[in-house]
Amino acid sequence: MQPDNSKSRQETQDANGSRGEVSGLDLLFLEVNSLEESLGFYRDKLGFEVESHNFDSEPPMATVRGGALRITMVQQLETMLKRGRGVHFVIGVADVDAFHERLQGEGLAVTAPQDEGWGGRFISLQDPDGYRLFFVTWSQ
């Protein structure tokens, strides 16, 4: 006999409108080739704040924060030959055009701002390990 799953979707939602299983993306965990290079990129080029870093731990690790988004990077040299494949990160910014100008001023290879049919204006670039980062200002 199968369980009765006849509750409506609305009956199973909590006060925040979710069904209680997922509350949001809390942390990205990235394996990187060079912790110092990646930390410099996220801190100095993208403007993330450093929450913690330990170059002497095994493996070396660091955590950065941008708004509510935390990214923990761990230096792993042997686990992947090619990083960043099949993974794209979409990160919200208040003004994608101003952010684009700032990134260009940092000398980064960043795409021109584009409006897309899915409700956002975005730019993209790759981090030192080949992870594709999209920065978007949502239309609404």
N, C-alpha and C. Protein backbone atom coordinates (compact mmCIF):
# COMPACT_ATOMS: atom_id res chain seq x y z
N MET A 1 0.84 -1.18 0.00
CA MET A 1 0.00 0.00 0.00
C MET A 1 0.88 1.24 0.00
N GLN A 2 0.54 2.22 -0.83
CA GLN A 2 1.32 3.44 -0.96
C GLN A 2 0.82 4.49 0.03
N PRO A 3 1.75 5.34 0.55
CA PRO A 3 1.34 6.38 1.49
C PRO A 3 0.44 7.39 0.80
N ASP A 4 -0.42 8.04 1.59
CA ASP A 4 -1.32 9.06 1.07
C ASP A 4 -0.56 10.38 0.97
N ASN A 5 -0.22 10.77 -0.23
CA ASN A 5 0.47 12.02 -0.49
C ASN A 5 -0.48 13.04 -1.09
N SER A 6 -1.72 13.02 -0.65
CA SER A 6 -2.74 13.85 -1.28
C SER A 6 -2.80 15.27 -0.75
N LYS A 7 -1.93 15.66 0.21
CA LYS A 7 -1.93 17.05 0.68
C LYS A 7 -1.62 17.95 -0.50
N SER A 8 -2.32 19.05 -0.55
CA SER A 8 -2.05 19.99 -1.63
C SER A 8 -0.71 20.65 -1.40
N ARG A 9 -0.15 21.18 -2.45
CA ARG A 9 1.14 21.88 -2.36
C ARG A 9 1.06 23.02 -1.36
N GLN A 10 -0.03 23.75 -1.38
CA GLN A 10 -0.18 24.88 -0.47
C GLN A 10 -0.21 24.42 0.99
N GLU A 11 -0.80 23.27 1.26
CA GLU A 11 -0.86 22.76 2.63
C GLU A 11 0.52 22.40 3.18
N THR A 12 1.44 22.04 2.30
CA THR A 12 2.76 21.62 2.76
C THR A 12 3.77 22.75 2.81
N GLN A 13 3.41 23.95 2.38
CA GLN A 13 4.34 25.07 2.40
C GLN A 13 4.39 25.72 3.77
N ASP A 14 5.57 26.21 4.14
CA ASP A 14 5.69 26.92 5.41
C ASP A 14 5.39 28.40 5.22
N ALA A 15 5.59 29.19 6.25
CA ALA A 15 5.27 30.62 6.22
C ALA A 15 6.11 31.38 5.20
N ASN A 16 7.28 30.86 4.83
CA ASN A 16 8.14 31.53 3.85
C ASN A 16 7.80 31.14 2.42
N GLY A 17 6.81 30.29 2.23
CA GLY A 17 6.42 29.89 0.89
C GLY A 17 7.14 28.67 0.37
N SER A 18 8.07 28.11 1.15
CA SER A 18 8.76 26.91 0.68
C SER A 18 8.11 25.68 1.32
N ARG A 19 8.45 24.53 0.80
CA ARG A 19 7.91 23.30 1.36
C ARG A 19 8.78 22.78 2.49
N GLY A 20 9.78 23.53 2.89
CA GLY A 20 10.58 23.16 4.04
C GLY A 20 11.83 22.35 3.75
N GLU A 21 11.98 21.85 2.53
CA GLU A 21 13.14 21.02 2.25
C GLU A 21 14.40 21.85 2.03
N VAL A 22 14.32 22.91 1.25
CA VAL A 22 15.49 23.71 0.90
C VAL A 22 15.23 25.16 1.29
N SER A 23 16.19 25.74 2.00
CA SER A 23 16.03 27.12 2.44
C SER A 23 16.88 28.09 1.64
N GLY A 24 17.79 27.61 0.84
CA GLY A 24 18.63 28.48 0.03
C GLY A 24 20.02 27.90 -0.11
N LEU A 25 20.83 28.54 -0.90
CA LEU A 25 22.22 28.12 -1.10
C LEU A 25 23.06 28.77 -0.01
N ASP A 26 23.61 27.97 0.88
CA ASP A 26 24.37 28.48 2.01
C ASP A 26 25.85 28.62 1.72
N LEU A 27 26.41 27.72 0.93
CA LEU A 27 27.86 27.68 0.76
C LEU A 27 28.20 26.99 -0.55
N LEU A 28 29.16 27.54 -1.28
CA LEU A 28 29.77 26.85 -2.41
C LEU A 28 31.12 26.36 -1.94
N PHE A 29 31.46 25.16 -2.31
CA PHE A 29 32.74 24.56 -1.93
C PHE A 29 33.48 24.28 -3.23
N LEU A 30 34.60 24.97 -3.45
CA LEU A 30 35.34 24.85 -4.69
C LEU A 30 36.71 24.25 -4.44
N GLU A 31 37.09 23.29 -5.26
CA GLU A 31 38.45 22.80 -5.26
C GLU A 31 39.24 23.68 -6.22
N VAL A 32 40.39 24.16 -5.78
CA VAL A 32 41.19 25.07 -6.59
C VAL A 32 42.62 24.56 -6.67
N ASN A 33 43.33 25.01 -7.71
CA ASN A 33 44.72 24.62 -7.89
C ASN A 33 45.66 25.43 -7.00
N SER A 34 45.42 26.74 -6.90
CA SER A 34 46.26 27.62 -6.09
C SER A 34 45.36 28.45 -5.19
N LEU A 35 45.40 28.17 -3.90
CA LEU A 35 44.56 28.91 -2.96
C LEU A 35 44.92 30.40 -2.95
N GLU A 36 46.20 30.71 -2.98
CA GLU A 36 46.60 32.13 -2.97
C GLU A 36 46.06 32.87 -4.19
N GLU A 37 46.17 32.28 -5.37
CA GLU A 37 45.68 32.92 -6.59
C GLU A 37 44.16 33.08 -6.56
N SER A 38 43.44 32.03 -6.15
CA SER A 38 41.98 32.10 -6.10
C SER A 38 41.51 33.08 -5.04
N LEU A 39 42.14 33.09 -3.89
CA LEU A 39 41.77 34.03 -2.83
C LEU A 39 41.99 35.46 -3.30
N GLY A 40 43.10 35.71 -3.96
CA GLY A 40 43.36 37.04 -4.52
C GLY A 40 42.32 37.45 -5.54
N PHE A 41 41.91 36.52 -6.39
CA PHE A 41 40.90 36.82 -7.41
C PHE A 41 39.57 37.21 -6.77
N TYR A 42 39.07 36.38 -5.87
CA TYR A 42 37.76 36.65 -5.25
C TYR A 42 37.80 37.87 -4.34
N ARG A 43 38.89 38.08 -3.62
CA ARG A 43 39.01 39.22 -2.71
C ARG A 43 39.34 40.50 -3.47
N ASP A 44 40.43 40.50 -4.22
CA ASP A 44 40.94 41.72 -4.82
C ASP A 44 40.23 42.13 -6.10
N LYS A 45 39.82 41.17 -6.90
CA LYS A 45 39.18 41.49 -8.18
C LYS A 45 37.67 41.59 -8.06
N LEU A 46 37.03 40.65 -7.33
CA LEU A 46 35.57 40.64 -7.25
C LEU A 46 35.02 41.33 -6.01
N GLY A 47 35.85 41.61 -5.03
CA GLY A 47 35.42 42.36 -3.87
C GLY A 47 34.81 41.55 -2.74
N PHE A 48 35.01 40.23 -2.73
CA PHE A 48 34.53 39.40 -1.63
C PHE A 48 35.37 39.70 -0.38
N GLU A 49 34.75 39.54 0.79
CA GLU A 49 35.47 39.69 2.06
C GLU A 49 35.99 38.34 2.51
N VAL A 50 37.20 38.32 3.08
CA VAL A 50 37.78 37.08 3.58
C VAL A 50 37.23 36.82 4.98
N GLU A 51 36.57 35.68 5.15
CA GLU A 51 36.09 35.28 6.47
C GLU A 51 37.17 34.53 7.23
N SER A 52 37.87 33.65 6.53
CA SER A 52 38.92 32.87 7.18
C SER A 52 39.87 32.34 6.11
N HIS A 53 41.09 32.07 6.53
CA HIS A 53 42.04 31.41 5.65
C HIS A 53 43.11 30.74 6.49
N ASN A 54 43.56 29.59 6.00
CA ASN A 54 44.62 28.86 6.67
C ASN A 54 45.46 28.17 5.61
N PHE A 55 46.56 28.81 5.25
CA PHE A 55 47.43 28.25 4.23
C PHE A 55 48.24 27.07 4.76
N ASP A 56 48.32 26.94 6.09
CA ASP A 56 49.12 25.88 6.70
C ASP A 56 48.34 24.60 6.98
N SER A 57 47.00 24.65 6.85
CA SER A 57 46.21 23.44 7.11
C SER A 57 46.43 22.44 5.98
N GLU A 58 46.01 21.23 6.22
CA GLU A 58 46.13 20.19 5.19
C GLU A 58 44.76 19.64 4.88
N PRO A 59 44.16 20.00 3.78
CA PRO A 59 44.67 20.88 2.74
C PRO A 59 44.44 22.35 3.10
N PRO A 60 45.18 23.26 2.45
CA PRO A 60 44.97 24.69 2.68
C PRO A 60 43.54 25.09 2.29
N MET A 61 42.90 25.96 3.12
CA MET A 61 41.51 26.36 2.89
C MET A 61 41.32 27.84 3.17
N ALA A 62 40.29 28.42 2.53
CA ALA A 62 39.90 29.81 2.79
C ALA A 62 38.41 29.94 2.50
N THR A 63 37.75 30.85 3.22
CA THR A 63 36.34 31.14 2.98
C THR A 63 36.18 32.64 2.76
N VAL A 64 35.45 32.99 1.70
CA VAL A 64 35.14 34.38 1.39
C VAL A 64 33.63 34.56 1.40
N ARG A 65 33.20 35.80 1.58
CA ARG A 65 31.77 36.11 1.63
C ARG A 65 31.49 37.35 0.77
N GLY A 66 30.39 37.25 0.01
CA GLY A 66 29.84 38.38 -0.74
C GLY A 66 28.36 38.40 -0.47
N GLY A 67 27.90 39.34 0.36
CA GLY A 67 26.49 39.33 0.78
C GLY A 67 26.21 38.08 1.58
N ALA A 68 25.16 37.36 1.22
CA ALA A 68 24.80 36.12 1.92
C ALA A 68 25.56 34.92 1.37
N LEU A 69 26.28 35.08 0.27
CA LEU A 69 26.97 33.96 -0.37
C LEU A 69 28.36 33.75 0.23
N ARG A 70 28.61 32.52 0.67
CA ARG A 70 29.93 32.12 1.15
C ARG A 70 30.52 31.11 0.19
N ILE A 71 31.81 31.27 -0.07
CA ILE A 71 32.53 30.33 -0.91
C ILE A 71 33.74 29.84 -0.13
N THR A 72 33.82 28.53 0.08
CA THR A 72 35.00 27.94 0.70
C THR A 72 35.82 27.30 -0.39
N MET A 73 37.09 27.65 -0.41
CA MET A 73 38.02 27.10 -1.41
C MET A 73 39.02 26.21 -0.70
N VAL A 74 39.28 25.07 -1.28
CA VAL A 74 40.26 24.14 -0.73
C VAL A 74 41.25 23.81 -1.85
N GLN A 75 42.53 23.90 -1.54
CA GLN A 75 43.55 23.61 -2.54
C GLN A 75 43.70 22.10 -2.68
N GLN A 76 43.28 21.58 -3.82
CA GLN A 76 43.38 20.15 -4.14
C GLN A 76 44.03 20.05 -5.50
N LEU A 77 45.24 19.56 -5.54
CA LEU A 77 45.98 19.52 -6.80
C LEU A 77 45.71 18.27 -7.62
N GLU A 78 45.30 17.19 -6.99
CA GLU A 78 45.27 15.90 -7.68
C GLU A 78 43.88 15.43 -8.09
N THR A 79 42.81 16.05 -7.62
CA THR A 79 41.49 15.45 -7.81
C THR A 79 40.89 15.69 -9.19
N MET A 80 41.26 16.77 -9.84
CA MET A 80 40.65 17.07 -11.14
C MET A 80 41.71 17.59 -12.10
N LEU A 81 41.67 17.08 -13.31
CA LEU A 81 42.59 17.59 -14.32
C LEU A 81 42.06 18.88 -14.94
N LYS A 82 40.77 18.99 -15.09
CA LYS A 82 40.13 20.17 -15.68
C LYS A 82 39.00 20.62 -14.77
N ARG A 83 39.11 21.80 -14.22
CA ARG A 83 38.11 22.31 -13.30
C ARG A 83 37.10 23.18 -14.05
N GLY A 84 35.97 23.40 -13.40
CA GLY A 84 34.99 24.34 -13.91
C GLY A 84 34.07 23.81 -14.99
N ARG A 85 34.19 22.57 -15.38
CA ARG A 85 33.39 22.02 -16.46
C ARG A 85 31.99 21.71 -15.98
N GLY A 86 31.00 22.25 -16.68
CA GLY A 86 29.61 21.93 -16.39
C GLY A 86 29.02 22.66 -15.20
N VAL A 87 29.76 23.58 -14.61
CA VAL A 87 29.27 24.32 -13.45
C VAL A 87 29.31 25.81 -13.77
N HIS A 88 28.18 26.47 -13.56
CA HIS A 88 28.10 27.92 -13.76
C HIS A 88 27.45 28.52 -12.53
N PHE A 89 27.97 29.63 -12.06
CA PHE A 89 27.43 30.30 -10.89
C PHE A 89 26.78 31.60 -11.32
N VAL A 90 25.57 31.86 -10.85
CA VAL A 90 24.85 33.10 -11.15
C VAL A 90 24.77 33.87 -9.84
N ILE A 91 25.41 35.04 -9.82
CA ILE A 91 25.54 35.85 -8.61
C ILE A 91 24.90 37.20 -8.85
N GLY A 92 23.97 37.59 -8.00
CA GLY A 92 23.27 38.87 -8.15
C GLY A 92 24.12 40.05 -7.74
N VAL A 93 24.03 41.13 -8.51
CA VAL A 93 24.68 42.41 -8.18
C VAL A 93 23.65 43.52 -8.39
N ALA A 94 23.83 44.63 -7.69
CA ALA A 94 22.87 45.74 -7.75
C ALA A 94 22.86 46.42 -9.12
N ASP A 95 24.04 46.60 -9.74
CA ASP A 95 24.15 47.30 -11.02
C ASP A 95 25.21 46.60 -11.86
N VAL A 96 24.76 45.74 -12.76
CA VAL A 96 25.69 44.92 -13.53
C VAL A 96 26.57 45.78 -14.44
N ASP A 97 26.07 46.90 -14.94
CA ASP A 97 26.88 47.76 -15.81
C ASP A 97 28.04 48.40 -15.03
N ALA A 98 27.75 48.90 -13.83
CA ALA A 98 28.80 49.48 -12.99
C ALA A 98 29.81 48.40 -12.57
N PHE A 99 29.31 47.21 -12.25
CA PHE A 99 30.20 46.10 -11.86
C PHE A 99 31.09 45.72 -13.04
N HIS A 100 30.53 45.71 -14.24
CA HIS A 100 31.29 45.42 -15.45
C HIS A 100 32.44 46.40 -15.61
N GLU A 101 32.16 47.69 -15.43
CA GLU A 101 33.21 48.71 -15.55
C GLU A 101 34.31 48.49 -14.53
N ARG A 102 33.93 48.15 -13.30
CA ARG A 102 34.92 47.91 -12.25
C ARG A 102 35.80 46.71 -12.59
N LEU A 103 35.19 45.62 -13.09
CA LEU A 103 35.96 44.43 -13.44
C LEU A 103 36.90 44.70 -14.61
N GLN A 104 36.44 45.48 -15.58
CA GLN A 104 37.31 45.85 -16.69
C GLN A 104 38.49 46.66 -16.17
N GLY A 105 38.23 47.54 -15.21
CA GLY A 105 39.30 48.32 -14.59
C GLY A 105 40.32 47.46 -13.87
N GLU A 106 39.90 46.28 -13.44
CA GLU A 106 40.81 45.31 -12.79
C GLU A 106 41.59 44.50 -13.82
N GLY A 107 41.29 44.74 -15.12
CA GLY A 107 41.99 44.02 -16.17
C GLY A 107 41.48 42.63 -16.45
N LEU A 108 40.25 42.33 -16.02
CA LEU A 108 39.69 41.00 -16.22
C LEU A 108 39.02 40.88 -17.59
N ALA A 109 39.08 39.70 -18.16
CA ALA A 109 38.40 39.39 -19.41
C ALA A 109 36.95 39.08 -19.09
N VAL A 110 36.08 40.06 -19.27
CA VAL A 110 34.67 39.92 -18.90
C VAL A 110 33.81 40.25 -20.13
N THR A 111 32.72 39.52 -20.31
CA THR A 111 31.85 39.76 -21.46
C THR A 111 31.11 41.09 -21.29
N ALA A 112 30.66 41.64 -22.39
CA ALA A 112 29.86 42.87 -22.35
C ALA A 112 28.50 42.57 -21.73
N PRO A 113 27.90 43.54 -21.03
CA PRO A 113 26.56 43.32 -20.48
C PRO A 113 25.55 42.99 -21.57
N GLN A 114 24.70 42.00 -21.27
CA GLN A 114 23.69 41.55 -22.23
C GLN A 114 22.35 41.40 -21.53
N ASP A 115 21.28 41.79 -22.23
CA ASP A 115 19.93 41.54 -21.74
C ASP A 115 19.47 40.21 -22.32
N GLU A 116 18.88 39.39 -21.47
CA GLU A 116 18.40 38.09 -21.90
C GLU A 116 16.92 37.96 -21.64
N GLY A 117 16.28 37.05 -22.34
CA GLY A 117 14.85 36.84 -22.22
C GLY A 117 14.41 36.23 -20.90
N TRP A 118 15.34 35.76 -20.08
CA TRP A 118 14.97 35.12 -18.83
C TRP A 118 14.89 36.10 -17.67
N GLY A 119 14.92 37.41 -17.96
CA GLY A 119 14.65 38.39 -16.91
C GLY A 119 15.85 39.02 -16.26
N GLY A 120 16.98 39.01 -16.90
CA GLY A 120 18.15 39.61 -16.29
C GLY A 120 19.11 40.20 -17.30
N ARG A 121 19.95 41.09 -16.82
CA ARG A 121 21.05 41.66 -17.60
C ARG A 121 22.31 41.11 -16.94
N PHE A 122 23.20 40.50 -17.73
CA PHE A 122 24.31 39.79 -17.12
C PHE A 122 25.63 40.01 -17.83
N ILE A 123 26.69 39.67 -17.12
CA ILE A 123 28.05 39.57 -17.65
C ILE A 123 28.61 38.24 -17.17
N SER A 124 29.69 37.80 -17.78
CA SER A 124 30.31 36.56 -17.28
C SER A 124 31.82 36.63 -17.47
N LEU A 125 32.49 35.80 -16.66
CA LEU A 125 33.94 35.64 -16.72
C LEU A 125 34.29 34.31 -16.09
N GLN A 126 35.55 33.93 -16.22
CA GLN A 126 36.03 32.71 -15.59
C GLN A 126 36.99 33.05 -14.47
N ASP A 127 36.93 32.25 -13.39
CA ASP A 127 37.90 32.44 -12.31
C ASP A 127 39.19 31.71 -12.69
N PRO A 128 40.24 31.79 -11.87
CA PRO A 128 41.52 31.17 -12.24
C PRO A 128 41.47 29.67 -12.48
N ASP A 129 40.45 28.98 -11.96
CA ASP A 129 40.34 27.53 -12.16
C ASP A 129 39.35 27.15 -13.25
N GLY A 130 38.82 28.13 -13.97
CA GLY A 130 37.92 27.85 -15.08
C GLY A 130 36.46 27.78 -14.71
N TYR A 131 36.10 28.11 -13.46
CA TYR A 131 34.68 28.15 -13.09
C TYR A 131 34.06 29.37 -13.75
N ARG A 132 32.92 29.20 -14.42
CA ARG A 132 32.23 30.29 -15.11
C ARG A 132 31.33 31.01 -14.11
N LEU A 133 31.53 32.32 -13.96
CA LEU A 133 30.75 33.15 -13.06
C LEU A 133 29.89 34.10 -13.87
N PHE A 134 28.60 34.10 -13.60
CA PHE A 134 27.67 35.04 -14.22
C PHE A 134 27.25 36.02 -13.13
N PHE A 135 27.28 37.30 -13.43
CA PHE A 135 26.80 38.33 -12.52
C PHE A 135 25.60 38.96 -13.18
N VAL A 136 24.49 39.05 -12.45
CA VAL A 136 23.22 39.46 -13.03
C VAL A 136 22.54 40.53 -12.18
N THR A 137 21.90 41.46 -12.86
CA THR A 137 20.94 42.36 -12.24
C THR A 137 19.59 41.95 -12.79
N TRP A 138 18.71 41.51 -11.90
CA TRP A 138 17.40 41.01 -12.31
C TRP A 138 16.50 42.18 -12.70
N SER A 139 15.64 41.95 -13.68
CA SER A 139 14.73 42.99 -14.18
C SER A 139 13.73 43.42 -13.14
N GLN A 140 13.32 42.52 -12.26
CA GLN A 140 12.29 42.85 -11.28
C GLN A 140 12.80 42.75 -9.88
